[in-house]
Protein backbone atom coordinates (compact mmCIF):
# COMPACT_ATOMS: atom_id res chain seq x y z
CA UNK A 1 -16.15 8.56 2.54
CA UNK A 2 -13.15 10.81 1.72
CA UNK A 3 -9.69 9.19 1.71
CA UNK A 4 -8.59 11.10 4.83
CA UNK A 5 -11.61 9.78 6.74
CA UNK A 6 -10.86 6.24 5.55
CA UNK A 7 -7.32 6.46 6.92
CA UNK A 8 -8.54 7.86 10.23
CA UNK A 9 -11.09 5.04 10.46
CA UNK A 10 -8.50 2.39 9.52
CA UNK A 11 -5.90 3.42 12.08
CA UNK A 12 -7.88 5.00 14.92
CA UNK A 13 -11.48 3.72 15.08
CA UNK A 14 -12.72 0.44 16.53
CA UNK A 15 -15.95 -0.11 14.60
CA UNK A 16 -16.30 -2.25 11.51
CA UNK A 17 -14.18 -4.91 9.90
CA UNK A 18 -10.84 -5.11 8.10
CA UNK A 19 -9.54 -7.82 5.76
CA UNK A 20 -6.35 -9.85 6.13
CA UNK A 21 -4.54 -7.89 3.40
CA UNK A 22 -5.50 -4.48 4.82
CA UNK A 23 -4.53 -5.62 8.33
CA UNK A 24 -1.14 -6.88 7.18
CA UNK A 25 -0.34 -3.85 5.01
CA UNK A 26 -1.44 -1.32 7.64
CA UNK A 27 0.61 -3.17 10.27
CA UNK A 28 3.59 -3.20 7.91
CA UNK A 29 3.29 0.55 7.34
CA UNK A 30 3.25 1.18 11.09
CA UNK A 31 6.34 -1.03 11.55
CA UNK A 32 8.21 0.74 8.72
CA UNK A 33 7.52 4.18 10.22
CA UNK A 34 8.71 2.97 13.63
CA UNK A 35 11.84 1.38 12.13
CA UNK A 36 12.66 4.55 10.16
CA UNK A 37 12.47 6.73 13.27
CA UNK A 38 14.56 4.29 15.27
CA UNK A 39 17.11 4.17 12.43
CA UNK A 40 17.32 7.97 12.28
CA UNK A 41 17.75 8.09 16.06
CA UNK A 42 20.72 5.71 15.89
CA UNK A 43 22.51 7.91 13.32
CA UNK A 44 22.89 10.98 15.51
CA UNK A 45 25.11 11.50 18.58
CA UNK A 46 23.41 10.45 21.81
CA UNK A 47 23.32 13.76 23.64
CA UNK A 48 22.63 15.97 20.63
CA UNK A 49 19.51 18.04 20.15
CA UNK A 50 18.79 16.10 16.95
CA UNK A 51 19.02 12.86 18.92
CA UNK A 52 16.55 14.14 21.47
CA UNK A 53 14.20 15.20 18.68
CA UNK A 54 14.34 11.79 16.97
CA UNK A 55 13.85 10.05 20.32
CA UNK A 56 10.80 12.21 21.09
CA UNK A 57 9.39 11.53 17.61
CA UNK A 58 9.96 7.81 18.06
CA UNK A 59 8.15 7.69 21.42
CA UNK A 60 5.27 9.78 20.12
CA UNK A 61 4.90 7.43 17.15
CA UNK A 62 5.11 4.44 19.52
CA UNK A 63 2.11 5.69 21.51
CA UNK A 64 0.12 6.33 18.33
CA UNK A 65 1.24 2.96 16.91
CA UNK A 66 -0.02 1.08 19.97
CA UNK A 67 -3.45 2.66 19.54
CA UNK A 68 -3.42 1.99 15.78
CA UNK A 69 -2.38 -1.64 16.23
CA UNK A 70 -5.13 -2.24 18.77
CA UNK A 71 -7.72 -0.55 16.51
CA UNK A 72 -6.59 -2.64 13.52
CA UNK A 73 -6.65 -5.84 15.55
CA UNK A 74 -10.12 -5.15 16.93
CA UNK A 75 -11.46 -4.63 13.40
CA UNK A 76 -9.64 -7.75 12.19
CA UNK A 77 -11.15 -9.76 15.05
CA UNK A 78 -14.55 -8.36 14.08
CA UNK A 79 -13.98 -9.60 10.52
CA UNK A 80 -13.51 -13.16 11.79
CA UNK A 81 -16.58 -12.81 14.04
CA UNK A 82 -14.75 -12.51 17.35
CA UNK A 83 -15.12 -9.79 19.98
CA UNK A 84 -12.55 -7.00 19.92
CA UNK A 85 -11.71 -7.60 23.58
CA UNK A 86 -9.51 -10.48 22.44
CA UNK A 87 -7.07 -7.81 21.21
CA UNK A 88 -5.62 -7.73 24.75
CA UNK A 89 -3.52 -10.70 23.57
CA UNK A 90 -1.39 -8.10 21.75
CA UNK A 91 0.06 -7.04 25.09
CA UNK A 92 1.40 -10.50 25.95
CA UNK A 93 4.94 -10.69 24.51
CA UNK A 94 5.12 -14.09 22.75
CA UNK A 95 1.38 -14.37 22.20
CA UNK A 96 1.34 -11.04 20.34
CA UNK A 97 3.49 -12.40 17.50
CA UNK A 98 1.37 -15.53 17.23
CA UNK A 99 -1.84 -13.45 17.33
CA UNK A 100 -0.58 -11.15 14.55
CA UNK A 101 0.32 -14.11 12.32
CA UNK A 102 -3.00 -15.81 13.04
CA UNK A 103 -4.94 -12.64 12.21
CA UNK A 104 -3.01 -12.37 8.93
CA UNK A 105 -3.89 -15.96 7.98
CA UNK A 106 -7.42 -16.65 9.27
CA UNK A 107 -10.02 -15.69 6.64
CA UNK A 108 -12.84 -13.36 7.59
CA UNK A 109 -16.49 -14.31 7.59
CA UNK A 110 -18.07 -14.18 4.14
CA UNK A 111 -20.92 -11.70 3.99
CA UNK A 112 -22.29 -9.56 6.80
CA UNK A 113 -21.75 -10.38 10.46
CA UNK A 114 -22.76 -8.64 13.68
CA UNK A 115 -19.79 -6.24 13.36
CA UNK A 116 -20.53 -4.90 9.89
CA UNK A 117 -21.83 -5.53 6.41
CA UNK A 118 -18.48 -5.52 4.59
CA UNK A 119 -14.80 -6.00 5.25
CA UNK A 120 -12.72 -2.80 5.07
CA UNK A 121 -15.62 -0.59 6.07
CA UNK A 122 -16.94 0.92 9.28
CA UNK A 123 -19.94 -0.76 10.86
CA UNK A 124 -23.21 0.30 9.27
CA UNK A 125 -21.77 0.94 5.78
CA UNK A 126 -23.21 -1.06 2.92
């Protein structure tokens, strides 16, 4: 699978499994991009065109980041053998932080499970 397709799968698809390290690093990348855009927004005058542009970029990235975080969490849940529907916990304010930490710490199932053959691969890949 080409690198571009791997990134699209990692951030936007719900099938397969993802390891603790990949989940943490992908989540960190998303947080850094969000923080950078928020930082840039705070540097410009409030009513300026640049401020409006940074605000629009931030909100666009927020929408994409929500999707990416849910997709990552579903795949991480698959890696530990749980259904992806449990990712709804990410929308509960205090629970979301606990769920993220738990998903970073709980090891995945060794070997194949019903969600895929390998960690860090779409379902059906050997």
